[in-house]
């Protein structure tokens, strides 16, 4: 019989049978004592600043 901790009562350890364990695990209600660390992702490159565009036909000169 596995001894588990749930997300509902993380401070209390419970003994459950294999069927209950499988059900709780499939519902995501178990707290794993030794979770596997996720691999660290490489830092993302800084985004390039957006280029300002002018609508077609506009010259940018206010004196027309």
C-alpha atoms as a PDB file:
ATOM      1  CA  UNK A   1       0.000   0.000   0.000  1.00  0.00           C
ATOM      2  CA  UNK A   2       1.575   3.282  -1.077  1.00  0.00           C
ATOM      3  CA  UNK A   3       1.766   6.188   1.341  1.00  0.00           C
ATOM      4  CA  UNK A   4       0.813   9.419  -0.392  1.00  0.00           C
ATOM      5  CA  UNK A   5       0.156  13.108   0.212  1.00  0.00           C
ATOM      6  CA  UNK A   6      -2.605  14.927  -1.632  1.00  0.00           C
ATOM      7  CA  UNK A   7      -2.952  18.507  -2.793  1.00  0.00           C
ATOM      8  CA  UNK A   8      -6.025  18.805  -0.547  1.00  0.00           C
ATOM      9  CA  UNK A   9      -4.137  17.839   2.643  1.00  0.00           C
ATOM     10  CA  UNK A  10      -0.399  18.088   1.928  1.00  0.00           C
ATOM     11  CA  UNK A  11       0.493  17.887   5.627  1.00  0.00           C
ATOM     12  CA  UNK A  12      -1.220  14.510   6.105  1.00  0.00           C
ATOM     13  CA  UNK A  13       0.144  11.201   4.783  1.00  0.00           C
ATOM     14  CA  UNK A  14      -2.413   8.604   3.721  1.00  0.00           C
ATOM     15  CA  UNK A  15      -2.149   4.922   2.923  1.00  0.00           C
ATOM     16  CA  UNK A  16      -4.141   3.978  -0.171  1.00  0.00           C
ATOM     17  CA  UNK A  17      -4.470   0.867  -2.274  1.00  0.00           C
ATOM     18  CA  UNK A  18      -3.225   0.671  -5.837  1.00  0.00           C
ATOM     19  CA  UNK A  19      -6.624   1.524  -7.347  1.00  0.00           C
ATOM     20  CA  UNK A  20      -7.028   4.656  -5.234  1.00  0.00           C
ATOM     21  CA  UNK A  21      -3.438   5.660  -6.027  1.00  0.00           C
ATOM     22  CA  UNK A  22      -4.058   5.324  -9.769  1.00  0.00           C
ATOM     23  CA  UNK A  23      -7.274   7.352  -9.545  1.00  0.00           C
ATOM     24  CA  UNK A  24      -5.698  10.155  -7.510  1.00  0.00           C
ATOM     25  CA  UNK A  25      -2.688  10.293  -9.821  1.00  0.00           C
ATOM     26  CA  UNK A  26      -4.853  10.474 -12.956  1.00  0.00           C
ATOM     27  CA  UNK A  27      -6.777  13.370 -11.387  1.00  0.00           C
ATOM     28  CA  UNK A  28      -3.558  15.225 -10.569  1.00  0.00           C
ATOM     29  CA  UNK A  29      -4.219  15.210  -6.827  1.00  0.00           C
ATOM     30  CA  UNK A  30      -0.947  13.671  -5.640  1.00  0.00           C
ATOM     31  CA  UNK A  31       2.056  15.570  -4.359  1.00  0.00           C
ATOM     32  CA  UNK A  32       5.234  13.927  -5.537  1.00  0.00           C
ATOM     33  CA  UNK A  33       8.036  13.975  -2.969  1.00  0.00           C
ATOM     34  CA  UNK A  34      10.773  13.753  -5.611  1.00  0.00           C
ATOM     35  CA  UNK A  35       9.513  15.600  -8.673  1.00  0.00           C
ATOM     36  CA  UNK A  36      11.751  15.362 -11.679  1.00  0.00           C
ATOM     37  CA  UNK A  37      13.351  18.732 -12.383  1.00  0.00           C
ATOM     38  CA  UNK A  38      12.407  20.277 -15.676  1.00  0.00           C
ATOM     39  CA  UNK A  39      15.346  21.019 -17.945  1.00  0.00           C
ATOM     40  CA  UNK A  40      16.169  24.681 -17.962  1.00  0.00           C
ATOM     41  CA  UNK A  41      15.354  26.384 -21.223  1.00  0.00           C
ATOM     42  CA  UNK A  42      17.954  28.593 -22.823  1.00  0.00           C
ATOM     43  CA  UNK A  43      17.230  32.272 -22.289  1.00  0.00           C
ATOM     44  CA  UNK A  44      15.324  33.792 -25.166  1.00  0.00           C
ATOM     45  CA  UNK A  45      17.101  36.310 -27.360  1.00  0.00           C
ATOM     46  CA  UNK A  46      15.830  39.865 -26.904  1.00  0.00           C
ATOM     47  CA  UNK A  47      13.170  40.804 -29.381  1.00  0.00           C
ATOM     48  CA  UNK A  48      14.185  43.222 -32.126  1.00  0.00           C
ATOM     49  CA  UNK A  49      12.440  46.593 -31.847  1.00  0.00           C
ATOM     50  CA  UNK A  50       9.551  47.025 -34.226  1.00  0.00           C
ATOM     51  CA  UNK A  51      10.292  49.180 -37.249  1.00  0.00           C
ATOM     52  CA  UNK A  52       8.096  52.205 -37.727  1.00  0.00           C
ATOM     53  CA  UNK A  53       6.470  52.253 -41.119  1.00  0.00           C
ATOM     54  CA  UNK A  54       4.572  55.025 -42.789  1.00  0.00           C
ATOM     55  CA  UNK A  55       1.425  54.413 -44.760  1.00  0.00           C
ATOM     56  CA  UNK A  56       1.971  54.360 -48.516  1.00  0.00           C
ATOM     57  CA  UNK A  57       1.695  57.762 -50.196  1.00  0.00           C
ATOM     58  CA  UNK A  58       2.856  59.713 -47.147  1.00  0.00           C
ATOM     59  CA  UNK A  59       6.231  61.383 -47.585  1.00  0.00           C
ATOM     60  CA  UNK A  60       6.719  62.403 -43.991  1.00  0.00           C
ATOM     61  CA  UNK A  61       7.042  66.108 -44.917  1.00  0.00           C
ATOM     62  CA  UNK A  62       4.374  68.317 -43.385  1.00  0.00           C
ATOM     63  CA  UNK A  63       4.888  71.014 -46.028  1.00  0.00           C
ATOM     64  CA  UNK A  64       2.838  69.784 -48.950  1.00  0.00           C
END
